[in-house]
Amino acid sequence: MRDTSGEKAGQGLQRRLGTSDAVMIGLGAMVGAGLFSAFTPAASAAGSALLVSLFLAAALAYANARSSAQLAAQYPTSGGTYAYGREVLGPWPGFIAGWGFVIGKTASAAAMALTFATYTVPESWVKPAAALAVVVLVGVNCLGVTRTATVAKIIAITVLALVAVILVMIAAGNHSLPTHAPGTYTGVLGVLQGTSLLFFAFAGYARIATLGEEVRNPGTSIPRAIGIGLGIVVLLYTAVAVVLIQILGTAGIAQTTKPLATALGDSWALPLVQIAASLASLGALLALVAGIGRTTMAMARENDLPHWLSAVHPRFSTPYRAEAVAGAAVLVLVAFFDLGTAIGFSSFGVLVYYLIANISAIKQPRAERTSPVWLGVSGAVGCVVVVAALPTGAVMGGLAMFAVGFGYRAVRLQLGAR
């Protein structure tokens, strides 16, 4: 394992976070993505089998989370699977994971910024408002991880409280709504596409693993935080999906960009949905920018990205240059992507990232394993199957971005050899 003691003593990040902080950061990354972005395209893809897709996505997320937790316990450093892949499999697999994370989560951040703006401003102002949210939250992240964790905790708690109120209102029924068809079965491919889109909603637990250098007792705190955070979100998503299906049907969910708001109709609780969607999206965006910045920093330390991106701010102990560049990339995607495109593109990158995580966990020595090998194998196979089921545009766009990354690293290695 690479010696990072000099980095930690000098320019390394500080261990300020406990398990509860890590859980809240993970919740902030997951809740916004799922409740307010993924159900509509997933229902369109999976049809009447939406709940099947949800359970498959949860199972895949669980397998990936166990692999991530096992790796994080052994390699408590920033960078997540980028660092794990390098240590266990070698530089190229590590680069593939890191590049997949950066491009996938950059697209996720763009999706969250657009979701926030969609719920808060008129349609003509969506792009400018989304860009402003990115600029503000990049600034918050650069001020320090403790402040970031505090803001994420407030957002996560607020969102969960508001969602509880929303679920109570929806459970009471909305008899003013027309009756929607239950939706049709779209076949195995449709179910798998729905799974890939809903997996996007769960993938925020990777943010917890990227906190390896900032969590106290990472060997126990990170696996525990991943398990707690994912368990809470699975229960929450299942409850929301069941209630939405009861009121709108899967066809009705697929026909609206705001299924929770549509289910409430003209209820007094409608403003709570708008507030919850806005706060949840901001919480996810906040956590995503931090995760992208730390993985970018880790890649820059190894010269897989320009080394100047590895700088840590001397006062705030944050990878401020990496986060600023990440913010600029998100702004570009906000300008040119719509929400559906961002989700599909994100899923491709993130599923490749977890494929490397599962292979790394499988390859770990027996003494380092905390999960059975078959679980890692299941996660790896699931990632391959689900990524292959993504819409063609998402697959082609993802392959093109990976070609760019491979080309960059190959050229850098060639120049370094000279």
Protein backbone atom coordinates (compact mmCIF):
# COMPACT_ATOMS: atom_id res chain seq x y z
CA MET A 1 0.00 0.00 0.00
CA ARG A 2 1.36 3.41 -1.00
CA ASP A 3 2.81 5.48 1.83
CA THR A 4 0.72 8.58 2.29
CA SER A 5 1.99 9.53 5.69
CA GLY A 6 3.74 12.58 4.35
CA GLU A 7 0.57 13.77 2.69
CA LYS A 8 -1.46 13.22 5.83
CA ALA A 9 1.02 14.96 8.06
CA GLY A 10 1.43 17.89 5.72
CA GLN A 11 -1.17 18.36 3.02
CA GLY A 12 -3.50 15.53 4.03
CA LEU A 13 -7.12 15.90 5.07
CA GLN A 14 -8.12 15.96 8.74
CA ARG A 15 -10.22 13.25 10.46
CA ARG A 16 -13.09 15.33 11.81
CA LEU A 17 -16.15 13.18 11.05
CA GLY A 18 -17.89 10.49 13.08
CA THR A 19 -20.28 7.75 11.96
CA SER A 20 -23.37 9.97 12.23
CA ASP A 21 -21.72 12.65 10.08
CA ALA A 22 -20.87 10.08 7.41
CA VAL A 23 -24.43 8.67 7.49
CA MET A 24 -25.94 12.13 7.02
CA ILE A 25 -23.60 12.95 4.14
CA GLY A 26 -24.60 9.67 2.48
CA LEU A 27 -28.29 10.36 3.01
CA GLY A 28 -27.86 13.81 1.53
CA ALA A 29 -26.27 12.23 -1.56
CA MET A 30 -28.95 9.54 -2.00
CA VAL A 31 -32.31 11.03 -1.00
CA GLY A 32 -32.32 13.88 -3.49
CA ALA A 33 -31.42 11.64 -6.42
CA GLY A 34 -34.09 9.01 -5.90
CA LEU A 35 -37.22 10.64 -4.64
CA PHE A 36 -37.32 13.48 -7.13
CA SER A 37 -35.41 12.36 -10.24
CA ALA A 38 -35.40 8.63 -10.93
CA PHE A 39 -38.95 7.34 -10.52
CA THR A 40 -40.35 8.92 -13.69
CA PRO A 41 -37.80 7.56 -16.22
CA ALA A 42 -37.66 4.24 -14.35
CA ALA A 43 -41.45 3.85 -14.53
CA SER A 44 -41.34 4.65 -18.23
CA ALA A 45 -38.76 1.91 -18.76
CA ALA A 46 -40.04 -0.79 -16.38
CA GLY A 47 -43.78 -0.23 -16.65
CA SER A 48 -45.81 -2.38 -14.27
CA ALA A 49 -42.61 -4.02 -12.98
CA LEU A 50 -41.34 -0.81 -11.36
CA LEU A 51 -41.12 -2.41 -7.93
CA VAL A 52 -39.14 -5.32 -9.38
CA SER A 53 -36.64 -2.82 -10.78
CA LEU A 54 -36.50 -1.07 -7.41
CA PHE A 55 -35.72 -4.28 -5.54
CA LEU A 56 -33.10 -5.32 -8.11
CA ALA A 57 -31.45 -1.90 -7.82
CA ALA A 58 -31.48 -2.18 -4.03
CA ALA A 59 -29.94 -5.68 -4.18
CA LEU A 60 -27.21 -4.49 -6.55
CA ALA A 61 -26.56 -1.47 -4.33
CA TYR A 62 -26.27 -3.76 -1.31
CA ALA A 63 -23.73 -6.02 -3.00
CA ASN A 64 -21.73 -3.01 -4.12
CA ALA A 65 -21.96 -1.41 -0.69
CA ARG A 66 -20.60 -4.54 1.00
CA SER A 67 -17.66 -4.61 -1.42
CA SER A 68 -17.04 -0.89 -0.87
CA ALA A 69 -17.19 -1.29 2.90
CA GLN A 70 -14.75 -4.21 2.83
CA LEU A 71 -12.29 -2.19 0.74
CA ALA A 72 -12.73 0.98 2.78
CA ALA A 73 -11.90 -0.88 5.98
CA GLN A 74 -8.56 -2.01 4.51
CA TYR A 75 -7.71 1.19 2.61
CA PRO A 76 -9.01 4.20 4.60
CA THR A 77 -7.93 6.90 2.16
CA SER A 78 -9.58 9.43 -0.13
CA GLY A 79 -10.48 8.34 -3.64
CA GLY A 80 -12.80 5.40 -2.99
CA THR A 81 -12.56 2.65 -5.60
CA TYR A 82 -9.91 4.58 -7.50
CA ALA A 83 -7.56 4.00 -4.57
CA TYR A 84 -8.84 0.44 -3.93
CA GLY A 85 -8.46 -0.55 -7.58
CA ARG A 86 -4.89 0.72 -7.70
CA GLU A 87 -3.94 -1.15 -4.55
CA VAL A 88 -5.56 -4.48 -5.43
CA LEU A 89 -5.69 -4.63 -9.25
CA GLY A 90 -3.13 -2.12 -10.50
CA PRO A 91 -2.92 1.40 -11.95
CA TRP A 92 -5.07 0.91 -15.05
CA PRO A 93 -8.11 -0.65 -13.29
CA GLY A 94 -7.80 2.05 -10.64
CA PHE A 95 -7.82 4.71 -13.33
CA ILE A 96 -10.90 3.17 -14.96
CA ALA A 97 -12.73 3.33 -11.63
CA GLY A 98 -11.64 6.88 -10.89
CA TRP A 99 -12.50 8.13 -14.35
CA GLY A 100 -15.89 6.41 -14.21
CA PHE A 101 -16.61 8.03 -10.86
CA VAL A 102 -15.60 11.49 -11.99
CA ILE A 103 -17.63 11.49 -15.21
CA GLY A 104 -20.60 9.67 -13.66
CA LYS A 105 -20.84 11.86 -10.59
CA THR A 106 -20.30 15.04 -12.59
CA ALA A 107 -23.39 14.09 -14.57
CA SER A 108 -25.20 13.30 -11.30
CA ALA A 109 -24.33 16.73 -9.95
CA ALA A 110 -25.73 18.34 -13.09
CA ALA A 111 -28.94 16.31 -12.66
CA MET A 112 -29.30 17.49 -9.06
CA ALA A 113 -28.74 21.13 -9.97
CA LEU A 114 -31.39 20.87 -12.69
CA THR A 115 -33.81 19.13 -10.32
CA PHE A 116 -33.39 21.90 -7.75
CA ALA A 117 -34.03 24.61 -10.33
CA THR A 118 -37.03 22.79 -11.84
CA TYR A 119 -38.83 22.89 -8.49
CA THR A 120 -37.96 26.48 -7.57
CA VAL A 121 -38.04 28.75 -10.63
CA PRO A 122 -40.01 29.18 -13.87
CA GLU A 123 -38.90 27.03 -16.77
CA SER A 124 -37.06 29.85 -18.53
CA TRP A 125 -34.85 30.34 -15.45
CA VAL A 126 -33.98 26.68 -14.82
CA LYS A 127 -30.51 26.73 -16.40
CA PRO A 128 -29.31 29.98 -14.73
CA ALA A 129 -30.67 28.93 -11.32
CA ALA A 130 -29.02 25.52 -11.61
CA ALA A 131 -25.70 27.16 -12.48
CA LEU A 132 -25.99 29.52 -9.50
CA ALA A 133 -26.64 26.58 -7.16
CA VAL A 134 -23.47 24.87 -8.42
CA VAL A 135 -21.34 27.98 -7.85
CA VAL A 136 -22.67 28.53 -4.32
CA LEU A 137 -22.27 24.93 -3.18
CA VAL A 138 -18.78 24.60 -4.63
CA GLY A 139 -17.93 27.60 -2.46
CA VAL A 140 -19.48 25.92 0.61
CA ASN A 141 -17.45 22.77 -0.01
CA CYS A 142 -14.23 24.74 -0.30
CA LEU A 143 -14.83 26.24 3.16
CA GLY A 144 -14.25 22.89 4.85
CA VAL A 145 -15.66 19.40 5.30
CA THR A 146 -17.03 20.12 8.80
CA ARG A 147 -19.17 22.91 7.43
CA THR A 148 -20.15 20.67 4.51
CA ALA A 149 -21.15 17.87 6.89
CA THR A 150 -23.19 20.25 9.03
CA VAL A 151 -25.10 21.61 6.04
CA ALA A 152 -25.67 18.11 4.66
CA LYS A 153 -26.97 16.96 8.06
CA ILE A 154 -29.48 19.82 8.22
CA ILE A 155 -30.63 19.13 4.68
CA ALA A 156 -30.96 15.37 5.25
CA ILE A 157 -32.94 15.78 8.47
CA THR A 158 -35.22 18.37 6.88
CA VAL A 159 -35.84 16.21 3.84
CA LEU A 160 -36.68 13.11 5.89
CA ALA A 161 -39.10 15.10 8.05
CA LEU A 162 -40.82 16.60 5.03
CA VAL A 163 -41.02 13.26 3.23
CA ALA A 164 -42.70 11.79 6.30
CA VAL A 165 -45.38 14.49 6.09
CA ILE A 166 -45.76 13.91 2.36
CA LEU A 167 -46.22 10.18 2.82
CA VAL A 168 -48.94 10.79 5.40
CA MET A 169 -50.77 13.07 2.96
CA ILE A 170 -50.43 10.66 0.05
CA ALA A 171 -51.55 7.71 2.19
CA ALA A 172 -54.77 9.60 2.89
CA GLY A 173 -55.52 9.41 -0.83
CA ASN A 174 -56.31 12.05 -3.42
CA HIS A 175 -59.74 11.35 -4.84
CA SER A 176 -59.66 14.32 -7.21
CA LEU A 177 -57.11 12.57 -9.43
CA PRO A 178 -58.27 10.68 -12.52
CA THR A 179 -57.78 6.94 -12.53
CA HIS A 180 -54.51 5.96 -14.22
CA ALA A 181 -53.80 2.69 -15.97
CA PRO A 182 -51.50 0.45 -13.97
CA GLY A 183 -48.95 0.32 -16.79
CA THR A 184 -47.86 -2.58 -18.97
CA TYR A 185 -45.05 -5.07 -18.59
CA THR A 186 -42.15 -3.95 -20.79
CA GLY A 187 -40.11 -7.13 -20.70
CA VAL A 188 -36.77 -8.08 -19.22
CA LEU A 189 -34.90 -5.28 -21.00
CA GLY A 190 -37.34 -2.72 -19.65
CA VAL A 191 -36.94 -4.07 -16.12
CA LEU A 192 -33.16 -3.91 -16.41
CA GLN A 193 -33.29 -0.36 -17.77
CA GLY A 194 -35.50 0.60 -14.86
CA THR A 195 -32.98 -1.03 -12.54
CA SER A 196 -30.12 1.01 -14.02
CA LEU A 197 -32.04 4.26 -13.62
CA LEU A 198 -33.09 3.48 -10.04
CA PHE A 199 -29.54 2.40 -9.19
CA PHE A 200 -28.61 6.02 -9.89
CA ALA A 201 -30.82 6.85 -6.92
CA PHE A 202 -28.92 4.59 -4.52
CA ALA A 203 -25.39 5.35 -5.62
CA GLY A 204 -24.77 8.17 -3.14
CA TYR A 205 -23.31 5.78 -0.58
CA ALA A 206 -20.08 5.97 -2.60
CA ARG A 207 -19.74 9.45 -1.13
CA ILE A 208 -19.22 7.85 2.29
CA ALA A 209 -16.36 5.70 1.01
CA THR A 210 -14.57 8.75 -0.43
CA LEU A 211 -14.33 10.18 3.11
CA GLY A 212 -11.60 7.69 4.02
CA GLU A 213 -9.14 10.35 5.17
CA GLU A 214 -11.72 12.45 7.03
CA VAL A 215 -13.60 9.92 9.19
CA ARG A 216 -12.47 8.93 12.67
CA ASN A 217 -11.98 5.14 13.05
CA PRO A 218 -12.65 4.54 9.33
CA GLY A 219 -12.27 0.77 9.62
CA THR A 220 -15.52 0.56 11.59
CA SER A 221 -17.22 3.90 10.91
CA ILE A 222 -17.30 3.70 7.11
CA PRO A 223 -18.83 0.19 6.80
CA ARG A 224 -21.33 1.03 9.54
CA ALA A 225 -22.31 4.32 7.91
CA ILE A 226 -22.78 2.65 4.51
CA GLY A 227 -25.04 -0.03 5.98
CA ILE A 228 -27.15 2.39 8.02
CA GLY A 229 -27.51 4.95 5.24
CA LEU A 230 -28.41 2.41 2.57
CA GLY A 231 -30.91 0.65 4.85
CA ILE A 232 -32.74 3.90 5.60
CA VAL A 233 -32.92 4.84 1.93
CA VAL A 234 -34.18 1.41 0.78
CA LEU A 235 -37.05 1.62 3.24
CA LEU A 236 -37.82 5.19 2.25
CA TYR A 237 -37.80 4.52 -1.50
CA THR A 238 -39.96 1.43 -1.15
CA ALA A 239 -42.54 3.32 0.88
CA VAL A 240 -42.65 6.18 -1.64
CA ALA A 241 -42.88 3.81 -4.63
CA VAL A 242 -45.73 1.80 -3.12
CA VAL A 243 -47.75 4.91 -2.30
CA LEU A 244 -47.16 6.47 -5.73
CA ILE A 245 -48.23 3.27 -7.48
CA GLN A 246 -51.40 3.12 -5.39
CA ILE A 247 -52.38 6.66 -6.36
CA LEU A 248 -50.97 7.21 -9.88
CA GLY A 249 -50.19 3.74 -11.21
CA THR A 250 -46.89 3.19 -12.99
CA ALA A 251 -48.31 4.72 -16.19
CA GLY A 252 -49.22 7.86 -14.26
CA ILE A 253 -45.76 8.07 -12.71
CA ALA A 254 -44.19 7.81 -16.16
CA GLN A 255 -46.35 10.66 -17.47
CA THR A 256 -45.27 13.34 -15.00
CA THR A 257 -41.91 14.87 -14.19
CA LYS A 258 -43.04 15.53 -10.62
CA PRO A 259 -44.84 12.38 -9.40
CA LEU A 260 -44.98 13.38 -5.72
CA ALA A 261 -46.45 16.77 -6.57
CA THR A 262 -48.94 15.18 -8.97
CA ALA A 263 -50.02 12.66 -6.33
CA LEU A 264 -50.79 15.49 -3.90
CA GLY A 265 -52.86 17.41 -6.43
CA ASP A 266 -54.07 20.68 -4.89
CA SER A 267 -53.35 19.61 -1.30
CA TRP A 268 -52.04 22.14 1.20
CA ALA A 269 -48.93 19.94 1.48
CA LEU A 270 -47.87 20.69 -2.13
CA PRO A 271 -45.42 23.45 -1.07
CA LEU A 272 -43.73 20.92 1.22
CA VAL A 273 -42.98 18.75 -1.81
CA GLN A 274 -41.37 21.69 -3.55
CA ILE A 275 -39.32 22.57 -0.49
CA ALA A 276 -38.30 18.95 0.07
CA ALA A 277 -37.29 18.49 -3.56
CA SER A 278 -35.22 21.67 -3.48
CA LEU A 279 -33.45 20.83 -0.24
CA ALA A 280 -32.86 17.20 -1.17
CA SER A 281 -31.37 18.15 -4.52
CA LEU A 282 -29.09 20.72 -2.89
CA GLY A 283 -27.99 18.16 -0.32
CA ALA A 284 -27.13 15.67 -3.05
CA LEU A 285 -25.33 18.33 -5.09
CA LEU A 286 -23.32 19.37 -2.03
CA ALA A 287 -22.18 15.81 -1.35
CA LEU A 288 -21.49 15.04 -5.00
CA VAL A 289 -19.18 18.02 -5.52
CA ALA A 290 -17.22 17.00 -2.43
CA GLY A 291 -16.91 13.39 -3.61
CA ILE A 292 -15.80 14.37 -7.12
CA GLY A 293 -13.24 16.75 -5.65
CA ARG A 294 -11.70 14.12 -3.39
CA THR A 295 -11.49 11.47 -6.10
CA THR A 296 -9.98 14.03 -8.47
CA MET A 297 -7.46 14.93 -5.75
CA ALA A 298 -6.55 11.26 -5.28
CA MET A 299 -6.06 10.78 -9.03
CA ALA A 300 -3.92 13.93 -9.20
CA ARG A 301 -1.70 12.61 -6.38
CA GLU A 302 -0.86 9.66 -8.64
CA ASN A 303 -0.47 11.93 -11.70
CA ASP A 304 -3.46 10.29 -13.39
CA LEU A 305 -4.78 13.85 -13.59
CA PRO A 306 -2.72 17.07 -13.54
CA HIS A 307 -0.78 17.10 -10.26
CA TRP A 308 -1.74 20.68 -9.36
CA LEU A 309 -5.27 19.40 -8.69
CA SER A 310 -3.95 17.56 -5.61
CA ALA A 311 -3.47 20.77 -3.61
CA VAL A 312 -5.19 20.97 -0.21
CA HIS A 313 -6.14 24.39 1.16
CA PRO A 314 -3.84 25.22 4.11
CA ARG A 315 -6.65 26.74 6.19
CA PHE A 316 -9.79 24.80 5.30
CA SER A 317 -8.14 21.42 4.58
CA THR A 318 -10.12 20.92 1.36
CA PRO A 319 -9.05 19.95 -2.20
CA TYR A 320 -10.14 23.38 -3.39
CA ARG A 321 -8.61 23.25 -6.86
CA ALA A 322 -10.16 19.86 -7.64
CA GLU A 323 -13.55 21.04 -6.40
CA ALA A 324 -13.35 24.23 -8.46
CA VAL A 325 -12.57 22.25 -11.63
CA ALA A 326 -15.36 19.79 -10.79
CA GLY A 327 -17.76 22.70 -10.42
CA ALA A 328 -16.73 24.08 -13.82
CA ALA A 329 -17.38 20.68 -15.43
CA VAL A 330 -20.83 20.49 -13.81
CA LEU A 331 -21.64 23.96 -15.18
CA VAL A 332 -20.85 22.74 -18.71
CA LEU A 333 -23.19 19.75 -18.33
CA VAL A 334 -25.94 21.93 -16.86
CA ALA A 335 -25.75 24.08 -19.97
CA PHE A 336 -26.00 21.20 -22.46
CA PHE A 337 -27.75 18.23 -20.72
CA ASP A 338 -31.36 17.62 -19.80
CA LEU A 339 -32.31 15.61 -16.71
CA GLY A 340 -32.92 12.28 -18.43
CA THR A 341 -29.64 12.41 -20.36
CA ALA A 342 -27.72 13.27 -17.20
CA ILE A 343 -29.18 10.29 -15.30
CA GLY A 344 -28.37 7.76 -18.05
CA PHE A 345 -24.84 9.10 -18.53
CA SER A 346 -24.26 9.05 -14.77
CA SER A 347 -25.43 5.45 -14.44
CA PHE A 348 -22.92 4.27 -17.03
CA GLY A 349 -19.93 5.79 -15.26
CA VAL A 350 -21.01 4.76 -11.78
CA LEU A 351 -21.76 1.14 -12.75
CA VAL A 352 -18.27 0.80 -14.27
CA TYR A 353 -16.87 2.25 -11.04
CA TYR A 354 -18.65 -0.40 -8.97
CA LEU A 355 -17.61 -3.16 -11.35
CA ILE A 356 -14.01 -2.37 -10.40
CA ALA A 357 -15.00 -2.22 -6.72
CA ASN A 358 -16.50 -5.70 -6.81
CA ILE A 359 -13.55 -7.20 -8.69
CA SER A 360 -11.18 -5.58 -6.19
CA ALA A 361 -13.14 -7.03 -3.27
CA ILE A 362 -13.08 -10.50 -4.86
CA LYS A 363 -9.31 -10.29 -5.29
CA GLN A 364 -8.59 -9.26 -1.71
CA PRO A 365 -6.81 -11.87 0.46
CA ARG A 366 -9.06 -14.03 2.60
CA ALA A 367 -7.85 -12.35 5.81
CA GLU A 368 -9.09 -8.95 4.56
CA ARG A 369 -12.57 -10.09 3.51
CA THR A 370 -15.63 -9.19 5.52
CA SER A 371 -18.12 -10.37 2.87
CA PRO A 372 -18.49 -13.71 1.06
CA VAL A 373 -16.91 -13.93 -2.39
CA TRP A 374 -20.23 -14.82 -4.02
CA LEU A 375 -21.64 -11.44 -3.03
CA GLY A 376 -18.84 -9.63 -4.85
CA VAL A 377 -19.30 -11.88 -7.88
CA SER A 378 -23.04 -11.14 -7.88
CA GLY A 379 -22.33 -7.42 -7.73
CA ALA A 380 -19.83 -7.57 -10.60
CA VAL A 381 -22.16 -9.59 -12.83
CA GLY A 382 -25.06 -7.29 -11.95
CA CYS A 383 -23.07 -4.21 -12.93
CA VAL A 384 -22.20 -5.70 -16.34
CA VAL A 385 -25.76 -6.79 -17.07
CA VAL A 386 -27.37 -3.54 -15.97
CA VAL A 387 -24.90 -1.25 -17.76
CA ALA A 388 -25.47 -3.22 -20.98
CA ALA A 389 -29.21 -2.57 -20.63
CA LEU A 390 -28.84 1.21 -20.53
CA PRO A 391 -30.27 3.24 -23.44
CA THR A 392 -27.98 3.24 -26.47
CA GLY A 393 -27.23 6.96 -26.19
CA ALA A 394 -26.00 6.58 -22.62
CA VAL A 395 -23.79 3.61 -23.55
CA MET A 396 -22.27 5.35 -26.57
CA GLY A 397 -21.69 8.58 -24.68
CA GLY A 398 -20.10 6.69 -21.79
CA LEU A 399 -17.80 4.72 -24.07
CA ALA A 400 -16.72 7.95 -25.78
CA MET A 401 -15.81 9.55 -22.46
CA PHE A 402 -13.85 6.49 -21.39
CA ALA A 403 -11.98 6.61 -24.72
CA VAL A 404 -11.00 10.20 -23.90
CA GLY A 405 -9.76 9.14 -20.47
CA PHE A 406 -7.79 6.18 -21.83
CA GLY A 407 -6.24 8.40 -24.49
CA TYR A 408 -5.20 11.01 -21.94
CA ARG A 409 -3.52 8.48 -19.64
CA ALA A 410 -1.81 6.65 -22.51
CA VAL A 411 -0.37 9.90 -23.86
CA ARG A 412 0.79 10.97 -20.37
CA LEU A 413 2.51 7.62 -19.81
CA GLN A 414 4.16 7.80 -23.23
CA LEU A 415 5.47 11.31 -22.57
CA GLY A 416 6.65 10.27 -19.10
CA ALA A 417 8.59 7.36 -20.57
CA ARG A 418 10.53 9.77 -22.75
